[in-house]
C-alpha atoms as a PDB file:
ATOM      1  CA  UNK A   1     -52.364 136.090 137.902  1.00  0.00           C
ATOM      2  CA  UNK A   2     -52.675 135.012 134.263  1.00  0.00           C
ATOM      3  CA  UNK A   3     -53.300 131.276 134.563  1.00  0.00           C
ATOM      4  CA  UNK A   4     -56.771 130.153 135.562  1.00  0.00           C
ATOM      5  CA  UNK A   5     -58.105 126.751 136.550  1.00  0.00           C
ATOM      6  CA  UNK A   6     -61.111 125.458 134.640  1.00  0.00           C
ATOM      7  CA  UNK A   7     -64.404 124.565 136.268  1.00  0.00           C
ATOM      8  CA  UNK A   8     -67.564 122.660 135.443  1.00  0.00           C
ATOM      9  CA  UNK A   9     -70.925 123.098 137.143  1.00  0.00           C
ATOM     10  CA  UNK A  10     -73.320 120.175 137.550  1.00  0.00           C
ATOM     11  CA  UNK A  11     -76.907 121.336 137.799  1.00  0.00           C
ATOM     12  CA  UNK A  12     -78.434 123.847 135.406  1.00  0.00           C
ATOM     13  CA  UNK A  13     -81.132 125.038 137.806  1.00  0.00           C
ATOM     14  CA  UNK A  14     -81.263 128.284 139.783  1.00  0.00           C
ATOM     15  CA  UNK A  15     -78.193 127.679 141.941  1.00  0.00           C
ATOM     16  CA  UNK A  16     -76.006 126.329 139.149  1.00  0.00           C
ATOM     17  CA  UNK A  17     -76.962 129.142 136.778  1.00  0.00           C
ATOM     18  CA  UNK A  18     -76.358 131.846 139.370  1.00  0.00           C
ATOM     19  CA  UNK A  19     -72.986 130.290 140.180  1.00  0.00           C
ATOM     20  CA  UNK A  20     -72.047 130.212 136.488  1.00  0.00           C
ATOM     21  CA  UNK A  21     -72.727 133.928 136.179  1.00  0.00           C
ATOM     22  CA  UNK A  22     -70.671 134.627 139.295  1.00  0.00           C
ATOM     23  CA  UNK A  23     -67.727 132.641 137.889  1.00  0.00           C
ATOM     24  CA  UNK A  24     -67.955 134.462 134.557  1.00  0.00           C
ATOM     25  CA  UNK A  25     -68.214 137.906 136.141  1.00  0.00           C
ATOM     26  CA  UNK A  26     -66.198 137.736 139.337  1.00  0.00           C
ATOM     27  CA  UNK A  27     -63.718 134.844 139.345  1.00  0.00           C
ATOM     28  CA  UNK A  28     -60.044 135.766 139.315  1.00  0.00           C
ATOM     29  CA  UNK A  29     -58.448 132.317 139.419  1.00  0.00           C
ATOM     30  CA  UNK A  30     -61.211 130.268 137.800  1.00  0.00           C
ATOM     31  CA  UNK A  31     -62.456 129.921 134.237  1.00  0.00           C
ATOM     32  CA  UNK A  32     -65.958 128.692 133.401  1.00  0.00           C
ATOM     33  CA  UNK A  33     -65.662 125.713 131.052  1.00  0.00           C
ATOM     34  CA  UNK A  34     -68.736 123.441 131.095  1.00  0.00           C
ATOM     35  CA  UNK A  35     -72.340 123.617 132.305  1.00  0.00           C
ATOM     36  CA  UNK A  36     -73.904 120.213 132.959  1.00  0.00           C
ATOM     37  CA  UNK A  37     -77.616 119.439 133.118  1.00  0.00           C
ATOM     38  CA  UNK A  38     -80.143 116.692 132.467  1.00  0.00           C
ATOM     39  CA  UNK A  39     -82.839 118.807 130.797  1.00  0.00           C
ATOM     40  CA  UNK A  40     -81.920 119.880 127.291  1.00  0.00           C
ATOM     41  CA  UNK A  41     -84.521 122.641 127.461  1.00  0.00           C
ATOM     42  CA  UNK A  42     -83.461 124.152 130.778  1.00  0.00           C
ATOM     43  CA  UNK A  43     -82.921 127.900 130.949  1.00  0.00           C
ATOM     44  CA  UNK A  44     -79.532 127.334 132.568  1.00  0.00           C
ATOM     45  CA  UNK A  45     -78.165 125.364 129.614  1.00  0.00           C
ATOM     46  CA  UNK A  46     -79.652 127.815 127.121  1.00  0.00           C
ATOM     47  CA  UNK A  47     -78.116 130.736 128.979  1.00  0.00           C
ATOM     48  CA  UNK A  48     -74.745 128.974 129.150  1.00  0.00           C
ATOM     49  CA  UNK A  49     -74.782 128.436 125.394  1.00  0.00           C
ATOM     50  CA  UNK A  50     -75.598 132.110 124.800  1.00  0.00           C
ATOM     51  CA  UNK A  51     -72.670 133.067 127.023  1.00  0.00           C
ATOM     52  CA  UNK A  52     -70.241 130.855 125.108  1.00  0.00           C
ATOM     53  CA  UNK A  53     -69.988 128.051 127.677  1.00  0.00           C
ATOM     54  CA  UNK A  54     -69.852 124.434 126.525  1.00  0.00           C
ATOM     55  CA  UNK A  55     -72.829 122.352 127.691  1.00  0.00           C
ATOM     56  CA  UNK A  56     -74.117 118.808 127.996  1.00  0.00           C
ATOM     57  CA  UNK A  57     -77.586 117.590 128.963  1.00  0.00           C
ATOM     58  CA  UNK A  58     -76.350 114.045 129.637  1.00  0.00           C
ATOM     59  CA  UNK A  59     -75.376 114.614 133.254  1.00  0.00           C
ATOM     60  CA  UNK A  60     -72.023 113.660 134.738  1.00  0.00           C
ATOM     61  CA  UNK A  61     -71.555 110.847 132.224  1.00  0.00           C
ATOM     62  CA  UNK A  62     -71.877 113.435 129.473  1.00  0.00           C
ATOM     63  CA  UNK A  63     -69.309 115.678 131.173  1.00  0.00           C
ATOM     64  CA  UNK A  64     -66.799 112.849 131.515  1.00  0.00           C
ATOM     65  CA  UNK A  65     -67.219 112.014 127.816  1.00  0.00           C
ATOM     66  CA  UNK A  66     -66.471 115.601 126.722  1.00  0.00           C
ATOM     67  CA  UNK A  67     -62.940 116.448 125.537  1.00  0.00           C
ATOM     68  CA  UNK A  68     -63.004 119.465 127.896  1.00  0.00           C
ATOM     69  CA  UNK A  69     -63.134 117.141 130.916  1.00  0.00           C
ATOM     70  CA  UNK A  70     -59.393 116.482 130.684  1.00  0.00           C
ATOM     71  CA  UNK A  71     -58.748 120.130 131.577  1.00  0.00           C
ATOM     72  CA  UNK A  72     -61.320 120.462 134.390  1.00  0.00           C
ATOM     73  CA  UNK A  73     -59.762 121.166 137.790  1.00  0.00           C
ATOM     74  CA  UNK A  74     -62.901 121.982 139.819  1.00  0.00           C
ATOM     75  CA  UNK A  75     -66.447 120.669 139.678  1.00  0.00           C
ATOM     76  CA  UNK A  76     -69.301 122.380 141.517  1.00  0.00           C
ATOM     77  CA  UNK A  77     -72.250 120.095 142.254  1.00  0.00           C
ATOM     78  CA  UNK A  78     -75.553 121.987 142.562  1.00  0.00           C
ATOM     79  CA  UNK A  79     -77.919 119.021 142.287  1.00  0.00           C
ATOM     80  CA  UNK A  80     -79.238 117.126 145.331  1.00  0.00           C
ATOM     81  CA  UNK A  81     -77.791 115.139 148.216  1.00  0.00           C
ATOM     82  CA  UNK A  82     -78.690 111.793 146.661  1.00  0.00           C
ATOM     83  CA  UNK A  83     -77.404 112.763 143.232  1.00  0.00           C
ATOM     84  CA  UNK A  84     -74.126 114.063 144.651  1.00  0.00           C
ATOM     85  CA  UNK A  85     -73.174 110.656 146.055  1.00  0.00           C
ATOM     86  CA  UNK A  86     -73.538 109.189 142.557  1.00  0.00           C
ATOM     87  CA  UNK A  87     -71.849 112.144 140.851  1.00  0.00           C
ATOM     88  CA  UNK A  88     -68.826 112.147 143.152  1.00  0.00           C
ATOM     89  CA  UNK A  89     -68.270 108.411 142.631  1.00  0.00           C
ATOM     90  CA  UNK A  90     -68.289 108.821 138.843  1.00  0.00           C
ATOM     91  CA  UNK A  91     -65.985 111.852 138.953  1.00  0.00           C
ATOM     92  CA  UNK A  92     -63.567 110.190 141.354  1.00  0.00           C
ATOM     93  CA  UNK A  93     -63.330 107.080 139.155  1.00  0.00           C
ATOM     94  CA  UNK A  94     -62.730 109.137 136.009  1.00  0.00           C
ATOM     95  CA  UNK A  95     -60.378 111.726 137.501  1.00  0.00           C
ATOM     96  CA  UNK A  96     -59.219 110.976 141.066  1.00  0.00           C
ATOM     97  CA  UNK A  97     -57.562 114.358 141.631  1.00  0.00           C
ATOM     98  CA  UNK A  98     -60.460 116.608 140.611  1.00  0.00           C
ATOM     99  CA  UNK A  99     -61.624 119.064 143.292  1.00  0.00           C
ATOM    100  CA  UNK A 100     -65.360 118.870 144.035  1.00  0.00           C
ATOM    101  CA  UNK A 101     -67.285 121.678 145.725  1.00  0.00           C
ATOM    102  CA  UNK A 102     -70.534 120.189 147.031  1.00  0.00           C
ATOM    103  CA  UNK A 103     -73.481 122.601 147.307  1.00  0.00           C
ATOM    104  CA  UNK A 104     -75.846 119.831 148.453  1.00  0.00           C
ATOM    105  CA  UNK A 105     -76.288 118.525 152.023  1.00  0.00           C
ATOM    106  CA  UNK A 106     -74.651 115.190 151.107  1.00  0.00           C
ATOM    107  CA  UNK A 107     -71.558 115.924 153.226  1.00  0.00           C
ATOM    108  CA  UNK A 108     -69.216 113.347 151.715  1.00  0.00           C
ATOM    109  CA  UNK A 109     -66.309 115.677 152.420  1.00  0.00           C
ATOM    110  CA  UNK A 110     -65.713 117.921 155.442  1.00  0.00           C
ATOM    111  CA  UNK A 111     -68.037 120.839 156.124  1.00  0.00           C
ATOM    112  CA  UNK A 112     -66.660 124.149 154.924  1.00  0.00           C
ATOM    113  CA  UNK A 113     -67.697 127.664 155.937  1.00  0.00           C
ATOM    114  CA  UNK A 114     -65.097 129.975 154.342  1.00  0.00           C
ATOM    115  CA  UNK A 115     -64.641 132.461 157.187  1.00  0.00           C
ATOM    116  CA  UNK A 116     -64.413 129.732 159.814  1.00  0.00           C
ATOM    117  CA  UNK A 117     -62.418 126.783 158.489  1.00  0.00           C
ATOM    118  CA  UNK A 118     -61.512 127.118 154.798  1.00  0.00           C
ATOM    119  CA  UNK A 119     -57.786 127.445 155.462  1.00  0.00           C
ATOM    120  CA  UNK A 120     -57.762 124.040 157.174  1.00  0.00           C
ATOM    121  CA  UNK A 121     -59.430 122.410 154.162  1.00  0.00           C
ATOM    122  CA  UNK A 122     -57.473 123.810 151.219  1.00  0.00           C
ATOM    123  CA  UNK A 123     -56.114 120.380 150.242  1.00  0.00           C
ATOM    124  CA  UNK A 124     -59.415 118.482 150.425  1.00  0.00           C
ATOM    125  CA  UNK A 125     -60.685 116.890 147.213  1.00  0.00           C
ATOM    126  CA  UNK A 126     -64.335 117.221 148.249  1.00  0.00           C
ATOM    127  CA  UNK A 127     -65.708 119.912 150.553  1.00  0.00           C
ATOM    128  CA  UNK A 128     -69.307 120.367 151.604  1.00  0.00           C
ATOM    129  CA  UNK A 129     -70.809 123.852 151.714  1.00  0.00           C
ATOM    130  CA  UNK A 130     -73.271 122.731 154.422  1.00  0.00           C
ATOM    131  CA  UNK A 131     -76.559 124.556 153.712  1.00  0.00           C
ATOM    132  CA  UNK A 132     -77.752 128.118 153.152  1.00  0.00           C
ATOM    133  CA  UNK A 133     -78.775 128.351 156.798  1.00  0.00           C
ATOM    134  CA  UNK A 134     -75.432 126.942 157.850  1.00  0.00           C
ATOM    135  CA  UNK A 135     -73.433 129.418 155.766  1.00  0.00           C
ATOM    136  CA  UNK A 136     -75.412 132.294 157.279  1.00  0.00           C
ATOM    137  CA  UNK A 137     -75.507 131.245 160.927  1.00  0.00           C
ATOM    138  CA  UNK A 138     -72.486 129.073 161.718  1.00  0.00           C
ATOM    139  CA  UNK A 139     -70.118 132.083 161.511  1.00  0.00           C
ATOM    140  CA  UNK A 140     -72.165 133.688 164.294  1.00  0.00           C
ATOM    141  CA  UNK A 141     -71.985 130.590 166.499  1.00  0.00           C
ATOM    142  CA  UNK A 142     -68.239 130.414 165.854  1.00  0.00           C
ATOM    143  CA  UNK A 143     -67.918 134.109 166.741  1.00  0.00           C
ATOM    144  CA  UNK A 144     -69.387 133.438 170.179  1.00  0.00           C
ATOM    145  CA  UNK A 145     -67.459 130.181 170.528  1.00  0.00           C
ATOM    146  CA  UNK A 146     -64.092 131.906 170.163  1.00  0.00           C
ATOM    147  CA  UNK A 147     -64.941 134.048 173.208  1.00  0.00           C
ATOM    148  CA  UNK A 148     -66.753 131.553 175.450  1.00  0.00           C
ATOM    149  CA  UNK A 149     -67.623 127.852 175.490  1.00  0.00           C
ATOM    150  CA  UNK A 150     -70.951 127.339 173.719  1.00  0.00           C
ATOM    151  CA  UNK A 151     -73.248 124.756 175.306  1.00  0.00           C
ATOM    152  CA  UNK A 152     -76.154 125.023 172.875  1.00  0.00           C
ATOM    153  CA  UNK A 153     -76.897 126.851 169.625  1.00  0.00           C
ATOM    154  CA  UNK A 154     -80.204 126.966 167.772  1.00  0.00           C
ATOM    155  CA  UNK A 155     -80.785 128.559 164.390  1.00  0.00           C
ATOM    156  CA  UNK A 156     -83.972 129.345 162.520  1.00  0.00           C
ATOM    157  CA  UNK A 157     -83.600 130.075 158.798  1.00  0.00           C
ATOM    158  CA  UNK A 158     -86.616 131.711 157.177  1.00  0.00           C
ATOM    159  CA  UNK A 159     -86.610 131.834 153.381  1.00  0.00           C
ATOM    160  CA  UNK A 160     -89.108 132.872 150.727  1.00  0.00           C
ATOM    161  CA  UNK A 161     -91.098 129.911 149.451  1.00  0.00           C
ATOM    162  CA  UNK A 162     -90.434 131.085 145.901  1.00  0.00           C
ATOM    163  CA  UNK A 163     -86.677 130.737 146.461  1.00  0.00           C
ATOM    164  CA  UNK A 164     -86.990 127.054 147.419  1.00  0.00           C
ATOM    165  CA  UNK A 165     -86.693 124.939 144.298  1.00  0.00           C
ATOM    166  CA  UNK A 166     -87.131 121.176 143.893  1.00  0.00           C
ATOM    167  CA  UNK A 167     -83.637 120.442 145.238  1.00  0.00           C
ATOM    168  CA  UNK A 168     -84.200 122.442 148.419  1.00  0.00           C
ATOM    169  CA  UNK A 169     -87.625 120.910 149.015  1.00  0.00           C
ATOM    170  CA  UNK A 170     -86.286 117.391 148.464  1.00  0.00           C
ATOM    171  CA  UNK A 171     -83.540 117.948 151.036  1.00  0.00           C
ATOM    172  CA  UNK A 172     -85.417 119.345 154.052  1.00  0.00           C
ATOM    173  CA  UNK A 173     -84.421 116.445 156.322  1.00  0.00           C
ATOM    174  CA  UNK A 174     -80.815 116.621 155.134  1.00  0.00           C
ATOM    175  CA  UNK A 175     -80.878 120.393 155.721  1.00  0.00           C
ATOM    176  CA  UNK A 176     -81.766 120.073 159.398  1.00  0.00           C
ATOM    177  CA  UNK A 177     -79.425 117.142 160.022  1.00  0.00           C
ATOM    178  CA  UNK A 178     -76.439 118.617 158.170  1.00  0.00           C
ATOM    179  CA  UNK A 179     -76.856 122.115 159.595  1.00  0.00           C
ATOM    180  CA  UNK A 180     -77.312 120.837 163.162  1.00  0.00           C
ATOM    181  CA  UNK A 181     -74.177 118.712 162.910  1.00  0.00           C
ATOM    182  CA  UNK A 182     -72.131 121.520 161.340  1.00  0.00           C
ATOM    183  CA  UNK A 183     -73.164 123.909 164.129  1.00  0.00           C
ATOM    184  CA  UNK A 184     -71.346 121.514 166.438  1.00  0.00           C
ATOM    185  CA  UNK A 185     -68.403 120.520 164.227  1.00  0.00           C
ATOM    186  CA  UNK A 186     -67.570 123.980 162.842  1.00  0.00           C
ATOM    187  CA  UNK A 187     -69.456 126.364 165.102  1.00  0.00           C
ATOM    188  CA  UNK A 188     -68.077 124.813 168.260  1.00  0.00           C
ATOM    189  CA  UNK A 189     -71.386 124.219 170.049  1.00  0.00           C
ATOM    190  CA  UNK A 190     -71.753 121.172 172.263  1.00  0.00           C
ATOM    191  CA  UNK A 191     -75.260 120.732 170.869  1.00  0.00           C
ATOM    192  CA  UNK A 192     -76.784 122.303 167.745  1.00  0.00           C
ATOM    193  CA  UNK A 193     -80.304 122.503 166.386  1.00  0.00           C
ATOM    194  CA  UNK A 194     -81.531 123.840 163.038  1.00  0.00           C
ATOM    195  CA  UNK A 195     -84.997 124.753 161.799  1.00  0.00           C
ATOM    196  CA  UNK A 196     -85.996 125.965 158.316  1.00  0.00           C
ATOM    197  CA  UNK A 197     -89.165 127.912 157.534  1.00  0.00           C
ATOM    198  CA  UNK A 198     -90.398 128.445 153.975  1.00  0.00           C
ATOM    199  CA  UNK A 199     -92.517 131.598 154.044  1.00  0.00           C
ATOM    200  CA  UNK A 200     -95.171 131.857 151.282  1.00  0.00           C
ATOM    201  CA  UNK A 201     -95.739 135.601 151.858  1.00  0.00           C
ATOM    202  CA  UNK A 202     -96.239 137.880 148.858  1.00  0.00           C
ATOM    203  CA  UNK A 203     -94.245 139.838 147.968  1.00  0.00           C
ATOM    204  CA  UNK A 204     -91.497 137.335 148.860  1.00  0.00           C
ATOM    205  CA  UNK A 205     -89.498 138.144 151.977  1.00  0.00           C
ATOM    206  CA  UNK A 206     -85.729 138.307 152.116  1.00  0.00           C
ATOM    207  CA  UNK A 207     -83.819 135.550 153.911  1.00  0.00           C
ATOM    208  CA  UNK A 208     -83.832 136.084 157.657  1.00  0.00           C
ATOM    209  CA  UNK A 209     -81.890 134.052 160.198  1.00  0.00           C
ATOM    210  CA  UNK A 210     -82.189 134.005 163.966  1.00  0.00           C
ATOM    211  CA  UNK A 211     -79.367 132.558 166.057  1.00  0.00           C
ATOM    212  CA  UNK A 212     -79.725 131.737 169.753  1.00  0.00           C
ATOM    213  CA  UNK A 213     -76.505 130.815 171.541  1.00  0.00           C
ATOM    214  CA  UNK A 214     -76.212 129.712 175.169  1.00  0.00           C
ATOM    215  CA  UNK A 215     -72.644 129.955 176.404  1.00  0.00           C
ATOM    216  CA  UNK A 216     -70.679 130.216 179.590  1.00  0.00           C
ATOM    217  CA  UNK A 217     -70.747 133.643 181.224  1.00  0.00           C
ATOM    218  CA  UNK A 218     -68.633 136.061 179.161  1.00  0.00           C
ATOM    219  CA  UNK A 219     -67.911 139.744 178.621  1.00  0.00           C
ATOM    220  CA  UNK A 220     -70.817 140.947 176.473  1.00  0.00           C
ATOM    221  CA  UNK A 221     -68.711 143.609 174.786  1.00  0.00           C
ATOM    222  CA  UNK A 222     -66.164 140.998 173.684  1.00  0.00           C
ATOM    223  CA  UNK A 223     -68.894 138.715 172.353  1.00  0.00           C
ATOM    224  CA  UNK A 224     -70.540 141.548 170.427  1.00  0.00           C
ATOM    225  CA  UNK A 225     -67.209 142.701 169.007  1.00  0.00           C
ATOM    226  CA  UNK A 226     -66.455 139.143 167.830  1.00  0.00           C
ATOM    227  CA  UNK A 227     -69.870 138.917 166.140  1.00  0.00           C
ATOM    228  CA  UNK A 228     -69.477 142.260 164.349  1.00  0.00           C
ATOM    229  CA  UNK A 229     -65.987 141.300 163.169  1.00  0.00           C
ATOM    230  CA  UNK A 230     -67.260 137.962 161.851  1.00  0.00           C
ATOM    231  CA  UNK A 231     -70.182 139.606 160.047  1.00  0.00           C
ATOM    232  CA  UNK A 232     -67.738 141.924 158.259  1.00  0.00           C
ATOM    233  CA  UNK A 233     -65.660 138.897 157.193  1.00  0.00           C
ATOM    234  CA  UNK A 234     -68.725 137.227 155.648  1.00  0.00           C
ATOM    235  CA  UNK A 235     -69.648 140.486 153.896  1.00  0.00           C
ATOM    236  CA  UNK A 236     -66.328 140.333 152.051  1.00  0.00           C
ATOM    237  CA  UNK A 237     -67.820 137.637 149.792  1.00  0.00           C
ATOM    238  CA  UNK A 238     -71.565 138.055 150.496  1.00  0.00           C
ATOM    239  CA  UNK A 239     -72.143 141.845 150.344  1.00  0.00           C
ATOM    240  CA  UNK A 240     -75.840 141.486 151.236  1.00  0.00           C
ATOM    241  CA  UNK A 241     -75.105 139.770 154.568  1.00  0.00           C
ATOM    242  CA  UNK A 242     -75.828 141.977 157.578  1.00  0.00           C
ATOM    243  CA  UNK A 243     -76.871 142.135 161.195  1.00  0.00           C
ATOM    244  CA  UNK A 244     -80.527 143.174 161.147  1.00  0.00           C
ATOM    245  CA  UNK A 245     -80.432 144.709 164.627  1.00  0.00           C
ATOM    246  CA  UNK A 246     -78.203 145.042 167.654  1.00  0.00           C
ATOM    247  CA  UNK A 247     -77.054 141.839 169.337  1.00  0.00           C
ATOM    248  CA  UNK A 248     -79.189 141.024 172.391  1.00  0.00           C
ATOM    249  CA  UNK A 249     -77.976 139.470 175.626  1.00  0.00           C
ATOM    250  CA  UNK A 250     -79.729 137.791 178.550  1.00  0.00           C
ATOM    251  CA  UNK A 251     -77.904 136.633 181.666  1.00  0.00           C
ATOM    252  CA  UNK A 252     -79.318 133.274 182.798  1.00  0.00           C
ATOM    253  CA  UNK A 253     -78.618 132.773 186.508  1.00  0.00           C
ATOM    254  CA  UNK A 254     -78.132 129.445 188.240  1.00  0.00           C
ATOM    255  CA  UNK A 255     -81.067 130.339 190.468  1.00  0.00           C
ATOM    256  CA  UNK A 256     -83.374 130.627 187.446  1.00  0.00           C
ATOM    257  CA  UNK A 257     -81.839 128.393 184.766  1.00  0.00           C
ATOM    258  CA  UNK A 258     -83.141 128.130 181.208  1.00  0.00           C
ATOM    259  CA  UNK A 259     -84.823 124.821 180.416  1.00  0.00           C
ATOM    260  CA  UNK A 260     -84.522 123.486 176.870  1.00  0.00           C
ATOM    261  CA  UNK A 261     -86.685 120.417 176.137  1.00  0.00           C
ATOM    262  CA  UNK A 262     -84.538 117.373 175.594  1.00  0.00           C
ATOM    263  CA  UNK A 263     -81.341 119.216 176.558  1.00  0.00           C
ATOM    264  CA  UNK A 264     -81.749 119.979 180.252  1.00  0.00           C
ATOM    265  CA  UNK A 265     -81.226 123.221 182.130  1.00  0.00           C
ATOM    266  CA  UNK A 266     -78.560 125.835 181.442  1.00  0.00           C
ATOM    267  CA  UNK A 267     -77.180 128.979 183.017  1.00  0.00           C
ATOM    268  CA  UNK A 268     -74.736 131.519 181.616  1.00  0.00           C
ATOM    269  CA  UNK A 269     -75.104 133.991 178.757  1.00  0.00           C
ATOM    270  CA  UNK A 270     -77.820 133.819 176.109  1.00  0.00           C
ATOM    271  CA  UNK A 271     -76.899 135.686 172.921  1.00  0.00           C
ATOM    272  CA  UNK A 272     -79.540 136.434 170.283  1.00  0.00           C
ATOM    273  CA  UNK A 273     -78.381 137.414 166.789  1.00  0.00           C
ATOM    274  CA  UNK A 274     -80.685 138.545 163.977  1.00  0.00           C
ATOM    275  CA  UNK A 275     -79.484 138.397 160.379  1.00  0.00           C
ATOM    276  CA  UNK A 276     -80.685 139.330 156.926  1.00  0.00           C
ATOM    277  CA  UNK A 277     -79.182 138.105 153.654  1.00  0.00           C
ATOM    278  CA  UNK A 278     -79.938 140.007 150.464  1.00  0.00           C
ATOM    279  CA  UNK A 279     -78.972 138.363 147.192  1.00  0.00           C
ATOM    280  CA  UNK A 280     -76.747 140.043 144.615  1.00  0.00           C
ATOM    281  CA  UNK A 281     -79.438 139.444 141.949  1.00  0.00           C
ATOM    282  CA  UNK A 282     -76.950 138.142 139.368  1.00  0.00           C
ATOM    283  CA  UNK A 283     -79.541 135.631 138.145  1.00  0.00           C
ATOM    284  CA  UNK A 284     -81.840 135.108 141.122  1.00  0.00           C
ATOM    285  CA  UNK A 285     -84.110 137.738 142.712  1.00  0.00           C
ATOM    286  CA  UNK A 286     -82.634 139.828 145.517  1.00  0.00           C
ATOM    287  CA  UNK A 287     -84.909 138.128 148.045  1.00  0.00           C
ATOM    288  CA  UNK A 288     -83.225 134.766 147.337  1.00  0.00           C
ATOM    289  CA  UNK A 289     -80.345 135.446 149.702  1.00  0.00           C
ATOM    290  CA  UNK A 290     -80.463 131.800 150.773  1.00  0.00           C
ATOM    291  CA  UNK A 291     -79.306 130.736 147.313  1.00  0.00           C
ATOM    292  CA  UNK A 292     -76.908 133.646 146.846  1.00  0.00           C
ATOM    293  CA  UNK A 293     -74.994 132.889 150.049  1.00  0.00           C
ATOM    294  CA  UNK A 294     -74.463 129.303 148.875  1.00  0.00           C
ATOM    295  CA  UNK A 295     -73.119 130.256 145.460  1.00  0.00           C
ATOM    296  CA  UNK A 296     -71.003 133.059 146.947  1.00  0.00           C
ATOM    297  CA  UNK A 297     -69.498 130.771 149.584  1.00  0.00           C
ATOM    298  CA  UNK A 298     -68.813 128.057 147.010  1.00  0.00           C
ATOM    299  CA  UNK A 299     -67.076 130.519 144.697  1.00  0.00           C
ATOM    300  CA  UNK A 300     -65.011 131.974 147.553  1.00  0.00           C
ATOM    301  CA  UNK A 301     -63.948 128.458 148.536  1.00  0.00           C
ATOM    302  CA  UNK A 302     -62.887 127.399 145.049  1.00  0.00           C
ATOM    303  CA  UNK A 303     -61.144 130.724 144.398  1.00  0.00           C
ATOM    304  CA  UNK A 304     -59.031 130.374 147.542  1.00  0.00           C
ATOM    305  CA  UNK A 305     -58.194 126.740 146.707  1.00  0.00           C
ATOM    306  CA  UNK A 306     -57.241 127.730 143.160  1.00  0.00           C
ATOM    307  CA  UNK A 307     -55.001 130.530 144.414  1.00  0.00           C
ATOM    308  CA  UNK A 308     -53.297 128.055 146.738  1.00  0.00           C
ATOM    309  CA  UNK A 309     -52.701 125.619 143.864  1.00  0.00           C
ATOM    310  CA  UNK A 310     -51.460 128.300 141.460  1.00  0.00           C
ATOM    311  CA  UNK A 311     -49.077 129.817 143.996  1.00  0.00           C
ATOM    312  CA  UNK A 312     -47.534 126.472 144.976  1.00  0.00           C
END
């Protein structure tokens, strides 16, 4: 494939800079064109300039004013949920057909987790990459859901405090709301719940995710096989994604049902899944798997969309 589609990244912080490096190093159907920031002295913009990428520190308005904007096919937004609403409106007014990959919890477009529902969203003009916790855990909920009906799924994402920048900290409420909703919409759970923990331990700990799924009674071997298969699919674009230990099962009988506050009592099969996500350390430390899984999922999404466009 010789032709590539050009991309711009909004947000010159940790996530945007890591994503830029991934596009430059790994993209097959995408070409890095513009890095957009609002701080002229940011490391991300300075690094982009050293790597030969055009930059602007005037935000989305600055991007739209650049001559390169006419050739931009994809825009990644790595800012914040509030900023994304503004950014998408400006982009849509200036270039209605531009594809926007949203790495914030704004969720203007449909939720997208590549291994679960990317193929159904290839024609969308704005897709939302949910959250780091969502990208890590929703595939596991979906893996159980394709074997048995899932009544309830709860995820706990534990990340190193040092890997949580201003954008992450400003979006804690959006994180829990967006992830909980996506567990239901994409994961297939009747009810979803999400919790995030920022661990200040030193040295910083790698991202860990715990997934509890309560489903109808099902063959445990089939459930485990589905989970292992799904984990391998995620590893195809996030090499540091792995099951931390063997999947655990508990049979909840009708005679001794499990009570979940606010949700009632349940019986069936409880599946416990323990994950670890190690970052690729392209720009961020290896412990920042929470950021790496977002940039990796966003790149995988745009790459697949670009391949679909170029092969049409």
